[in-house]
Amino acid sequence: KVLGCSPEDACLYYAERGVRISCVTIGDKGSVAYAGGTFHYAEPVRVSVVDTTGAGDNFHGAFLYCLAQRWNLDYTLRFCNAFSGLTCQGLGGLAAEPTLKETLRKMEE
């Protein structure tokens, strides 16, 4: 739990403090974001997990990439879940870092 509360309450906590888009990762349950008065949910991707080191950092890096692409929030969450999930297939946060093409392919599964 983030801040000792539900993921949704954590998103609201940050939104109430002026954050335009708040997002919480929920490990094997995916992710949730809050923006414009609406919650957005994305299911996790299924991978053979070797190591979750760096998964959160990779999710957030992917999130910034998606913001720069101006992708909608639902697509962004799916992309970030796919990217960060794929990174869990190797040791450390970078060993299994996927390409853009691999990430997009995983989103289609």
N, C-alpha and C. Protein backbone atom coordinates (compact mmCIF):
# COMPACT_ATOMS: atom_id res chain seq x y z
N LYS A 1 0.83 -1.19 0.00
CA LYS A 1 0.00 0.00 0.00
C LYS A 1 0.87 1.25 0.00
N VAL A 2 0.45 2.22 -0.76
CA VAL A 2 1.13 3.50 -0.80
C VAL A 2 0.48 4.41 0.23
N LEU A 3 1.27 5.04 1.06
CA LEU A 3 0.77 5.96 2.08
C LEU A 3 -0.15 5.25 3.08
N GLY A 4 -0.12 3.91 3.12
CA GLY A 4 -0.97 3.17 4.04
C GLY A 4 -2.44 3.17 3.63
N CYS A 5 -2.72 3.38 2.35
CA CYS A 5 -4.10 3.41 1.88
C CYS A 5 -4.22 2.67 0.56
N SER A 6 -5.40 2.61 0.01
CA SER A 6 -5.62 1.93 -1.26
C SER A 6 -4.92 2.70 -2.40
N PRO A 7 -4.66 2.03 -3.51
CA PRO A 7 -4.06 2.73 -4.65
C PRO A 7 -4.90 3.93 -5.11
N GLU A 8 -6.22 3.76 -5.10
CA GLU A 8 -7.09 4.86 -5.52
C GLU A 8 -6.98 6.05 -4.57
N ASP A 9 -6.95 5.77 -3.26
CA ASP A 9 -6.81 6.86 -2.29
C ASP A 9 -5.45 7.53 -2.40
N ALA A 10 -4.43 6.76 -2.75
CA ALA A 10 -3.11 7.35 -2.96
C ALA A 10 -3.14 8.29 -4.17
N CYS A 11 -3.80 7.88 -5.24
CA CYS A 11 -3.93 8.76 -6.41
C CYS A 11 -4.66 10.04 -6.04
N LEU A 12 -5.73 9.91 -5.28
CA LEU A 12 -6.50 11.09 -4.85
C LEU A 12 -5.68 11.99 -3.94
N TYR A 13 -4.87 11.40 -3.08
CA TYR A 13 -4.00 12.16 -2.18
C TYR A 13 -3.13 13.12 -2.98
N TYR A 14 -2.51 12.60 -4.04
CA TYR A 14 -1.64 13.45 -4.86
C TYR A 14 -2.45 14.43 -5.71
N ALA A 15 -3.59 14.00 -6.22
CA ALA A 15 -4.43 14.89 -7.02
C ALA A 15 -4.91 16.08 -6.19
N GLU A 16 -5.24 15.82 -4.93
CA GLU A 16 -5.69 16.90 -4.04
C GLU A 16 -4.58 17.90 -3.74
N ARG A 17 -3.35 17.53 -4.04
CA ARG A 17 -2.21 18.41 -3.82
C ARG A 17 -1.72 19.04 -5.13
N GLY A 18 -2.55 18.96 -6.16
CA GLY A 18 -2.28 19.66 -7.40
C GLY A 18 -1.66 18.86 -8.52
N VAL A 19 -1.44 17.56 -8.31
CA VAL A 19 -0.87 16.74 -9.37
C VAL A 19 -1.94 16.49 -10.43
N ARG A 20 -1.62 16.77 -11.67
CA ARG A 20 -2.59 16.64 -12.77
C ARG A 20 -2.87 15.18 -13.12
N ILE A 21 -1.83 14.35 -13.10
CA ILE A 21 -1.99 12.91 -13.35
C ILE A 21 -1.27 12.18 -12.23
N SER A 22 -1.99 11.41 -11.46
CA SER A 22 -1.35 10.60 -10.42
C SER A 22 -1.49 9.14 -10.81
N CYS A 23 -0.46 8.37 -10.50
CA CYS A 23 -0.44 6.98 -10.93
C CYS A 23 0.25 6.13 -9.87
N VAL A 24 -0.29 4.94 -9.66
CA VAL A 24 0.28 4.01 -8.69
C VAL A 24 0.41 2.65 -9.37
N THR A 25 1.58 2.04 -9.23
CA THR A 25 1.74 0.68 -9.72
C THR A 25 1.30 -0.28 -8.62
N ILE A 26 0.74 -1.41 -9.04
CA ILE A 26 0.20 -2.37 -8.08
C ILE A 26 0.80 -3.75 -8.33
N GLY A 27 2.06 -3.79 -8.77
CA GLY A 27 2.75 -5.06 -8.99
C GLY A 27 2.00 -5.98 -9.93
N ASP A 28 1.72 -7.18 -9.45
CA ASP A 28 1.06 -8.17 -10.31
C ASP A 28 -0.43 -7.91 -10.50
N LYS A 29 -0.89 -6.75 -10.03
CA LYS A 29 -2.29 -6.36 -10.25
C LYS A 29 -2.40 -5.23 -11.27
N GLY A 30 -1.27 -4.78 -11.81
CA GLY A 30 -1.30 -3.75 -12.84
C GLY A 30 -1.00 -2.36 -12.32
N SER A 31 -1.81 -1.40 -12.75
CA SER A 31 -1.60 -0.01 -12.35
C SER A 31 -2.93 0.74 -12.40
N VAL A 32 -2.95 1.84 -11.67
CA VAL A 32 -4.12 2.72 -11.66
C VAL A 32 -3.64 4.16 -11.74
N ALA A 33 -4.37 4.97 -12.47
CA ALA A 33 -4.05 6.39 -12.56
C ALA A 33 -5.34 7.19 -12.38
N TYR A 34 -5.15 8.43 -12.01
CA TYR A 34 -6.28 9.34 -11.81
C TYR A 34 -5.97 10.64 -12.51
N ALA A 35 -6.88 11.08 -13.36
CA ALA A 35 -6.71 12.36 -14.07
C ALA A 35 -8.07 12.86 -14.49
N GLY A 36 -8.28 14.15 -14.38
CA GLY A 36 -9.52 14.76 -14.84
C GLY A 36 -10.77 14.19 -14.19
N GLY A 37 -10.64 13.75 -12.94
CA GLY A 37 -11.79 13.23 -12.22
C GLY A 37 -12.14 11.78 -12.53
N THR A 38 -11.26 11.10 -13.25
CA THR A 38 -11.52 9.72 -13.66
C THR A 38 -10.36 8.80 -13.31
N PHE A 39 -10.69 7.60 -12.82
CA PHE A 39 -9.69 6.58 -12.59
C PHE A 39 -9.50 5.78 -13.87
N HIS A 40 -8.27 5.39 -14.13
CA HIS A 40 -7.91 4.57 -15.28
C HIS A 40 -7.15 3.36 -14.75
N TYR A 41 -7.52 2.17 -15.23
CA TYR A 41 -6.90 0.94 -14.76
C TYR A 41 -6.29 0.19 -15.94
N ALA A 42 -5.19 -0.49 -15.68
CA ALA A 42 -4.57 -1.35 -16.69
C ALA A 42 -4.15 -2.65 -16.04
N GLU A 43 -4.50 -3.73 -16.69
CA GLU A 43 -4.13 -5.06 -16.21
C GLU A 43 -2.62 -5.27 -16.38
N PRO A 44 -2.03 -6.12 -15.57
CA PRO A 44 -0.61 -6.43 -15.75
C PRO A 44 -0.42 -7.33 -16.97
N VAL A 45 0.81 -7.38 -17.45
CA VAL A 45 1.14 -8.34 -18.50
C VAL A 45 1.66 -9.60 -17.81
N ARG A 46 1.52 -10.71 -18.46
CA ARG A 46 2.00 -11.97 -17.92
C ARG A 46 3.39 -12.27 -18.48
N VAL A 47 4.36 -12.40 -17.60
CA VAL A 47 5.73 -12.71 -17.98
C VAL A 47 6.30 -13.73 -17.00
N SER A 48 7.39 -14.35 -17.38
CA SER A 48 8.12 -15.23 -16.47
C SER A 48 9.08 -14.35 -15.68
N VAL A 49 8.73 -14.09 -14.44
CA VAL A 49 9.49 -13.15 -13.62
C VAL A 49 10.77 -13.80 -13.09
N VAL A 50 11.89 -13.12 -13.32
CA VAL A 50 13.19 -13.52 -12.79
C VAL A 50 13.56 -12.59 -11.64
N ASP A 51 13.35 -11.29 -11.85
CA ASP A 51 13.77 -10.29 -10.86
C ASP A 51 12.94 -9.02 -11.09
N THR A 52 12.35 -8.49 -10.02
CA THR A 52 11.54 -7.28 -10.15
C THR A 52 12.33 -6.00 -9.87
N THR A 53 13.64 -6.14 -9.66
CA THR A 53 14.47 -4.95 -9.41
C THR A 53 14.31 -3.96 -10.57
N GLY A 54 14.00 -2.74 -10.25
CA GLY A 54 13.90 -1.69 -11.25
C GLY A 54 12.57 -1.61 -11.97
N ALA A 55 11.64 -2.50 -11.67
CA ALA A 55 10.36 -2.49 -12.39
C ALA A 55 9.63 -1.16 -12.23
N GLY A 56 9.60 -0.64 -11.03
CA GLY A 56 8.94 0.65 -10.80
C GLY A 56 9.63 1.79 -11.52
N ASP A 57 10.96 1.80 -11.45
CA ASP A 57 11.72 2.84 -12.15
C ASP A 57 11.48 2.75 -13.66
N ASN A 58 11.46 1.53 -14.18
CA ASN A 58 11.21 1.35 -15.61
C ASN A 58 9.80 1.78 -15.99
N PHE A 59 8.83 1.51 -15.13
CA PHE A 59 7.46 1.96 -15.37
C PHE A 59 7.44 3.48 -15.48
N HIS A 60 8.08 4.15 -14.54
CA HIS A 60 8.04 5.61 -14.53
C HIS A 60 8.80 6.22 -15.70
N GLY A 61 9.90 5.59 -16.09
CA GLY A 61 10.61 6.06 -17.29
C GLY A 61 9.75 5.91 -18.52
N ALA A 62 9.06 4.77 -18.63
CA ALA A 62 8.16 4.54 -19.76
C ALA A 62 7.01 5.55 -19.73
N PHE A 63 6.53 5.89 -18.53
CA PHE A 63 5.44 6.86 -18.40
C PHE A 63 5.87 8.22 -18.97
N LEU A 64 7.09 8.63 -18.66
CA LEU A 64 7.58 9.91 -19.19
C LEU A 64 7.69 9.86 -20.72
N TYR A 65 8.15 8.72 -21.23
CA TYR A 65 8.21 8.54 -22.69
C TYR A 65 6.82 8.71 -23.30
N CYS A 66 5.83 8.08 -22.69
CA CYS A 66 4.46 8.15 -23.20
C CYS A 66 3.91 9.57 -23.15
N LEU A 67 4.22 10.30 -22.09
CA LEU A 67 3.78 11.69 -22.00
C LEU A 67 4.37 12.51 -23.16
N ALA A 68 5.64 12.26 -23.45
CA ALA A 68 6.29 12.98 -24.55
C ALA A 68 5.64 12.62 -25.90
N GLN A 69 5.10 11.40 -26.01
CA GLN A 69 4.42 10.98 -27.24
C GLN A 69 2.99 11.50 -27.32
N ARG A 70 2.50 12.03 -26.19
CA ARG A 70 1.13 12.54 -26.09
C ARG A 70 0.08 11.44 -26.28
N TRP A 71 0.42 10.23 -25.81
CA TRP A 71 -0.52 9.12 -25.89
C TRP A 71 -1.58 9.28 -24.82
N ASN A 72 -2.77 8.73 -25.05
CA ASN A 72 -3.82 8.83 -24.04
C ASN A 72 -3.45 7.97 -22.83
N LEU A 73 -4.09 8.25 -21.73
CA LEU A 73 -3.70 7.64 -20.46
C LEU A 73 -3.92 6.14 -20.43
N ASP A 74 -4.99 5.65 -21.02
CA ASP A 74 -5.23 4.20 -21.02
C ASP A 74 -4.13 3.47 -21.80
N TYR A 75 -3.79 3.99 -22.96
CA TYR A 75 -2.72 3.38 -23.77
C TYR A 75 -1.39 3.48 -23.03
N THR A 76 -1.16 4.61 -22.40
CA THR A 76 0.07 4.83 -21.64
C THR A 76 0.22 3.79 -20.54
N LEU A 77 -0.82 3.55 -19.77
CA LEU A 77 -0.74 2.57 -18.69
C LEU A 77 -0.45 1.17 -19.23
N ARG A 78 -1.10 0.82 -20.32
CA ARG A 78 -0.85 -0.50 -20.93
C ARG A 78 0.59 -0.61 -21.39
N PHE A 79 1.10 0.44 -22.02
CA PHE A 79 2.49 0.45 -22.49
C PHE A 79 3.45 0.31 -21.31
N CYS A 80 3.23 1.09 -20.28
CA CYS A 80 4.12 1.06 -19.11
C CYS A 80 4.09 -0.29 -18.42
N ASN A 81 2.92 -0.90 -18.31
CA ASN A 81 2.83 -2.23 -17.72
C ASN A 81 3.60 -3.24 -18.56
N ALA A 82 3.47 -3.15 -19.88
CA ALA A 82 4.19 -4.07 -20.76
C ALA A 82 5.69 -3.87 -20.65
N PHE A 83 6.14 -2.63 -20.73
CA PHE A 83 7.57 -2.34 -20.67
C PHE A 83 8.17 -2.80 -19.35
N SER A 84 7.56 -2.39 -18.25
CA SER A 84 8.13 -2.74 -16.94
C SER A 84 8.02 -4.24 -16.67
N GLY A 85 6.94 -4.86 -17.12
CA GLY A 85 6.80 -6.30 -16.95
C GLY A 85 7.89 -7.06 -17.68
N LEU A 86 8.16 -6.66 -18.91
CA LEU A 86 9.20 -7.33 -19.69
C LEU A 86 10.58 -7.19 -19.04
N THR A 87 10.82 -6.07 -18.37
CA THR A 87 12.13 -5.90 -17.72
C THR A 87 12.33 -6.87 -16.56
N CYS A 88 11.25 -7.45 -16.07
CA CYS A 88 11.34 -8.40 -14.95
C CYS A 88 11.81 -9.79 -15.39
N GLN A 89 12.02 -9.99 -16.69
CA GLN A 89 12.43 -11.28 -17.20
C GLN A 89 13.94 -11.51 -17.13
N GLY A 90 14.68 -10.53 -16.65
CA GLY A 90 16.12 -10.66 -16.52
C GLY A 90 16.57 -10.16 -15.16
N LEU A 91 17.84 -10.40 -14.84
CA LEU A 91 18.38 -9.92 -13.56
C LEU A 91 18.70 -8.44 -13.64
N GLY A 92 18.28 -7.72 -12.63
CA GLY A 92 18.51 -6.27 -12.60
C GLY A 92 17.49 -5.55 -13.45
N GLY A 93 17.53 -4.25 -13.41
CA GLY A 93 16.54 -3.46 -14.11
C GLY A 93 16.78 -3.24 -15.58
N LEU A 94 17.99 -3.60 -16.08
CA LEU A 94 18.30 -3.30 -17.48
C LEU A 94 18.56 -4.52 -18.35
N ALA A 95 18.86 -5.66 -17.76
CA ALA A 95 19.26 -6.84 -18.54
C ALA A 95 18.22 -7.26 -19.56
N ALA A 96 16.96 -7.13 -19.24
CA ALA A 96 15.89 -7.56 -20.14
C ALA A 96 15.10 -6.38 -20.69
N GLU A 97 15.69 -5.19 -20.69
CA GLU A 97 14.97 -4.01 -21.18
C GLU A 97 14.55 -4.23 -22.63
N PRO A 98 13.24 -4.15 -22.89
CA PRO A 98 12.74 -4.45 -24.24
C PRO A 98 12.88 -3.25 -25.19
N THR A 99 12.81 -3.55 -26.47
CA THR A 99 12.76 -2.50 -27.48
C THR A 99 11.33 -1.97 -27.56
N LEU A 100 11.16 -0.90 -28.27
CA LEU A 100 9.82 -0.35 -28.51
C LEU A 100 8.95 -1.40 -29.20
N LYS A 101 9.51 -2.05 -30.22
CA LYS A 101 8.78 -3.06 -30.98
C LYS A 101 8.35 -4.22 -30.07
N GLU A 102 9.23 -4.69 -29.20
CA GLU A 102 8.90 -5.79 -28.29
C GLU A 102 7.80 -5.38 -27.31
N THR A 103 7.88 -4.14 -26.85
CA THR A 103 6.87 -3.65 -25.91
C THR A 103 5.50 -3.56 -26.58
N LEU A 104 5.46 -3.01 -27.77
CA LEU A 104 4.20 -2.90 -28.50
C LEU A 104 3.62 -4.28 -28.81
N ARG A 105 4.48 -5.23 -29.14
CA ARG A 105 4.02 -6.60 -29.40
C ARG A 105 3.42 -7.21 -28.14
N LYS A 106 4.06 -6.99 -27.00
CA LYS A 106 3.54 -7.54 -25.74
C LYS A 106 2.18 -6.95 -25.41
N MET A 107 1.96 -5.70 -25.75
CA MET A 107 0.67 -5.06 -25.49
C MET A 107 -0.46 -5.74 -26.26
N GLU A 108 -0.14 -6.35 -27.38
CA GLU A 108 -1.15 -6.97 -28.24
C GLU A 108 -1.55 -8.38 -27.76
N GLU A 109 -0.76 -8.95 -26.86
CA GLU A 109 -1.05 -10.31 -26.40
C GLU A 109 -2.30 -10.36 -25.55
